[in-house]
């Protein structure tokens, strides 16, 4: 292995290598701030290159601690993580991101882990991850008082966009949500002048939303 960090960038599969270890400096442009759209484009290109070379897909394992040390870095990388998650829903690419919890701290790791469809022992109670389109997000787990601030931060890092005036939060896997999380969703939707449609199998959520008289959140039954 070249260096402590590994990753993959466009053009990193020359000569038909099935496995390639790449240094951090080779995979990313220094310890700066990630360009979310640019990084997704790079991995898209590598995936297409792998497929063209006769492989069935791309797998990436990377220690990216150096890219999430500061608040600015973490904000950009979290947005990238969310967007690449949508790409991986349909493309034959999978990635595992590793973080040094001892260096970053629990809160920083939680900010990133909650935007993954799954995470390992991250201490987060919910997962907010992308749907197939930019107008849909998936919400799983439990949102109680301990998750209030983290949920608000996670919402800000999605790229939810209006489709017919609404964005959809699919809460089919949501086991519990309290009034604080509903108010955070209301604040997010209001700031973007849209309506967030929360779909959940729990009827009590609709009653709670009614009591709160939310103007930018509509609760529907899960489909």
Protein backbone atom coordinates (compact mmCIF):
# COMPACT_ATOMS: atom_id res chain seq x y z
CA UNK A 1 0.00 0.00 0.00
CA UNK A 2 1.27 3.44 -0.88
CA UNK A 3 0.66 5.61 2.16
CA UNK A 4 -2.01 5.33 4.85
CA UNK A 5 -5.05 6.15 2.69
CA UNK A 6 -6.41 4.39 -0.34
CA UNK A 7 -8.96 5.17 -3.03
CA UNK A 8 -9.68 5.06 -6.74
CA UNK A 9 -9.77 7.79 -9.38
CA UNK A 10 -10.49 7.91 -13.11
CA UNK A 11 -7.87 6.07 -15.09
CA UNK A 12 -6.74 3.91 -12.16
CA UNK A 13 -7.37 0.51 -13.78
CA UNK A 14 -4.66 0.31 -16.42
CA UNK A 15 -3.48 -3.00 -17.75
CA UNK A 16 -6.57 -4.89 -16.60
CA UNK A 17 -5.69 -4.90 -12.90
CA UNK A 18 -8.48 -6.52 -10.91
CA UNK A 19 -7.26 -4.90 -7.67
CA UNK A 20 -5.40 -1.64 -7.41
CA UNK A 21 -4.11 0.10 -4.25
CA UNK A 22 -3.81 3.84 -4.72
CA UNK A 23 -2.22 6.39 -2.42
CA UNK A 24 -4.38 9.08 -0.86
CA UNK A 25 -2.48 11.78 -2.77
CA UNK A 26 -3.12 9.97 -6.05
CA UNK A 27 -6.81 9.47 -5.40
CA UNK A 28 -7.68 12.91 -4.04
CA UNK A 29 -6.29 16.39 -4.60
CA UNK A 30 -4.56 16.87 -1.26
CA UNK A 31 -6.31 17.39 2.07
CA UNK A 32 -8.59 20.09 0.69
CA UNK A 33 -12.36 20.32 0.32
CA UNK A 34 -13.99 17.72 -1.92
CA UNK A 35 -16.01 18.89 -4.90
CA UNK A 36 -19.12 16.68 -4.52
CA UNK A 37 -20.19 16.74 -8.17
CA UNK A 38 -16.62 16.34 -9.42
CA UNK A 39 -15.92 13.35 -7.18
CA UNK A 40 -19.13 11.62 -8.27
CA UNK A 41 -18.17 12.24 -11.91
CA UNK A 42 -14.73 10.72 -11.27
CA UNK A 43 -16.17 7.54 -9.77
CA UNK A 44 -18.74 7.33 -12.55
CA UNK A 45 -15.92 7.43 -15.10
CA UNK A 46 -13.95 4.73 -13.26
CA UNK A 47 -17.02 2.50 -13.01
CA UNK A 48 -17.68 2.86 -16.73
CA UNK A 49 -14.02 2.13 -17.44
CA UNK A 50 -14.20 -1.04 -15.35
CA UNK A 51 -17.32 -2.22 -17.16
CA UNK A 52 -15.72 -1.49 -20.52
CA UNK A 53 -12.73 -3.54 -19.42
CA UNK A 54 -14.90 -6.60 -18.82
CA UNK A 55 -15.35 -6.28 -15.06
CA UNK A 56 -18.75 -6.58 -13.40
CA UNK A 57 -18.38 -3.41 -11.35
CA UNK A 58 -16.24 -1.31 -9.05
CA UNK A 59 -15.54 -1.73 -5.34
CA UNK A 60 -13.77 0.96 -3.32
CA UNK A 61 -12.43 0.94 0.24
CA UNK A 62 -10.92 4.22 1.43
CA UNK A 63 -9.71 5.82 4.65
CA UNK A 64 -10.90 9.41 4.12
CA UNK A 65 -10.20 10.85 7.56
CA UNK A 66 -8.00 13.57 6.06
CA UNK A 67 -10.94 14.84 4.00
CA UNK A 68 -13.34 15.43 6.90
CA UNK A 69 -11.26 17.07 9.63
CA UNK A 70 -12.74 20.56 9.40
CA UNK A 71 -16.38 21.66 9.38
CA UNK A 72 -16.03 22.88 5.78
CA UNK A 73 -14.48 19.61 4.64
CA UNK A 74 -17.10 17.55 6.44
CA UNK A 75 -19.99 19.56 4.98
CA UNK A 76 -18.72 19.05 1.42
CA UNK A 77 -17.88 15.38 1.93
CA UNK A 78 -21.27 14.67 3.50
CA UNK A 79 -22.99 16.18 0.45
CA UNK A 80 -20.81 14.01 -1.78
CA UNK A 81 -21.63 10.90 0.28
CA UNK A 82 -25.34 11.55 -0.16
CA UNK A 83 -25.10 12.07 -3.92
CA UNK A 84 -22.85 9.06 -4.56
CA UNK A 85 -25.33 6.99 -2.57
CA UNK A 86 -27.95 7.68 -5.23
CA UNK A 87 -25.54 6.69 -7.99
CA UNK A 88 -24.77 3.42 -6.22
CA UNK A 89 -28.45 2.52 -5.98
CA UNK A 90 -28.46 1.84 -9.72
CA UNK A 91 -24.82 1.50 -10.78
CA UNK A 92 -22.55 -1.52 -10.10
CA UNK A 93 -20.37 0.41 -7.68
CA UNK A 94 -20.02 -0.10 -3.95
CA UNK A 95 -17.84 1.79 -1.49
CA UNK A 96 -16.76 1.54 2.13
CA UNK A 97 -15.52 4.75 3.76
CA UNK A 98 -13.35 4.45 6.86
CA UNK A 99 -12.93 7.21 9.46
CA UNK A 100 -10.57 7.49 12.41
CA UNK A 101 -13.03 8.02 15.24
CA UNK A 102 -10.23 8.73 17.70
CA UNK A 103 -9.08 11.66 15.59
CA UNK A 104 -12.46 12.99 14.45
CA UNK A 105 -14.68 12.39 17.49
CA UNK A 106 -18.10 10.79 17.79
CA UNK A 107 -20.12 13.75 16.54
CA UNK A 108 -18.16 14.15 13.31
CA UNK A 109 -18.46 10.44 12.49
CA UNK A 110 -22.19 10.50 13.26
CA UNK A 111 -22.72 13.39 10.81
CA UNK A 112 -21.37 11.20 8.02
CA UNK A 113 -22.73 7.84 9.14
CA UNK A 114 -26.36 8.98 9.29
CA UNK A 115 -26.30 9.73 5.54
CA UNK A 116 -25.41 6.13 4.64
CA UNK A 117 -27.97 3.41 4.05
CA UNK A 118 -26.08 1.40 6.64
CA UNK A 119 -23.20 2.07 9.01
CA UNK A 120 -21.12 0.11 11.48
CA UNK A 121 -21.42 0.99 15.16
CA UNK A 122 -21.69 4.74 14.49
CA UNK A 123 -23.99 5.50 17.40
CA UNK A 124 -26.69 6.99 15.16
CA UNK A 125 -30.37 6.14 15.58
CA UNK A 126 -31.52 7.00 12.06
CA UNK A 127 -30.36 6.79 8.44
CA UNK A 128 -31.30 9.47 5.89
CA UNK A 129 -30.20 8.21 2.48
CA UNK A 130 -31.09 8.97 -1.14
CA UNK A 131 -33.90 7.52 -3.18
CA UNK A 132 -33.67 6.93 -6.91
CA UNK A 133 -34.42 10.55 -7.85
CA UNK A 134 -33.33 13.88 -6.37
CA UNK A 135 -36.90 14.46 -5.19
CA UNK A 136 -36.90 11.45 -2.85
CA UNK A 137 -35.05 10.47 0.32
CA UNK A 138 -35.33 7.36 2.47
CA UNK A 139 -35.62 7.63 6.25
CA UNK A 140 -35.09 4.66 8.57
CA UNK A 141 -34.71 4.10 12.29
CA UNK A 142 -35.78 6.32 15.18
CA UNK A 143 -35.83 10.10 15.56
CA UNK A 144 -36.09 11.19 19.17
CA UNK A 145 -34.76 14.10 21.20
CA UNK A 146 -31.15 12.88 20.92
CA UNK A 147 -31.29 13.07 17.11
CA UNK A 148 -32.85 16.54 16.75
CA UNK A 149 -29.74 18.54 15.83
CA UNK A 150 -28.18 15.76 13.77
CA UNK A 151 -31.35 15.30 11.70
CA UNK A 152 -31.51 19.01 10.89
CA UNK A 153 -27.88 18.97 9.77
CA UNK A 154 -28.45 15.84 7.66
CA UNK A 155 -31.43 17.41 5.88
CA UNK A 156 -29.34 20.41 4.91
CA UNK A 157 -26.81 18.11 3.25
CA UNK A 158 -29.25 16.32 0.98
CA UNK A 159 -29.89 17.52 -2.54
CA UNK A 160 -33.66 17.11 -2.31
CA UNK A 161 -35.24 18.97 -5.22
CA UNK A 162 -38.84 19.76 -5.99
CA UNK A 163 -40.79 17.51 -8.33
CA UNK A 164 -44.23 18.94 -8.98
CA UNK A 165 -43.80 21.18 -5.95
CA UNK A 166 -43.13 18.36 -3.47
CA UNK A 167 -40.20 16.38 -2.13
CA UNK A 168 -40.79 12.91 -0.73
CA UNK A 169 -39.33 11.38 2.42
CA UNK A 170 -40.06 7.66 2.36
CA UNK A 171 -40.34 6.61 6.00
CA UNK A 172 -41.39 3.01 5.41
CA UNK A 173 -38.48 1.96 7.62
CA UNK A 174 -39.13 4.63 10.25
CA UNK A 175 -40.00 3.19 13.64
CA UNK A 176 -40.44 6.42 15.60
CA UNK A 177 -40.39 10.17 14.99
CA UNK A 178 -41.08 12.89 17.55
CA UNK A 179 -42.34 16.46 17.19
CA UNK A 180 -38.83 17.92 17.12
CA UNK A 181 -37.92 15.96 13.99
CA UNK A 182 -41.19 16.96 12.33
CA UNK A 183 -40.43 20.60 13.10
CA UNK A 184 -36.93 20.17 11.63
CA UNK A 185 -38.50 18.78 8.45
CA UNK A 186 -40.96 21.69 8.42
CA UNK A 187 -38.09 24.19 8.74
CA UNK A 188 -36.17 22.51 5.92
CA UNK A 189 -39.16 22.47 3.56
CA UNK A 190 -40.12 26.05 4.38
CA UNK A 191 -36.59 27.28 3.68
CA UNK A 192 -36.85 25.77 0.20
CA UNK A 193 -40.42 26.91 -0.40
CA UNK A 194 -41.62 23.38 -0.99
CA UNK A 195 -43.74 20.71 0.69
CA UNK A 196 -42.15 17.62 2.22
CA UNK A 197 -44.36 14.56 1.91
CA UNK A 198 -43.50 12.14 4.70
CA UNK A 199 -44.75 8.62 3.97
CA UNK A 200 -44.92 6.40 7.01
CA UNK A 201 -46.99 3.37 8.10
CA UNK A 202 -47.47 4.88 11.57
CA UNK A 203 -50.84 6.64 11.80
CA UNK A 204 -49.85 8.54 14.94
CA UNK A 205 -47.40 10.62 12.91
CA UNK A 206 -50.20 12.15 10.85
CA UNK A 207 -52.11 13.02 14.03
CA UNK A 208 -49.00 14.61 15.54
CA UNK A 209 -48.37 16.63 12.38
CA UNK A 210 -51.98 17.83 12.54
CA UNK A 211 -51.57 19.01 16.11
CA UNK A 212 -48.44 20.91 15.13
CA UNK A 213 -50.34 22.57 12.24
CA UNK A 214 -47.41 22.13 9.89
CA UNK A 215 -47.69 24.19 6.71
CA UNK A 216 -44.89 22.55 4.72
CA UNK A 217 -45.12 18.91 5.77
CA UNK A 218 -47.80 16.46 4.66
CA UNK A 219 -47.96 12.97 6.13
CA UNK A 220 -49.24 10.10 4.00
CA UNK A 221 -49.44 6.36 4.49
CA UNK A 222 -46.45 4.37 3.23
CA UNK A 223 -46.94 2.88 -0.23
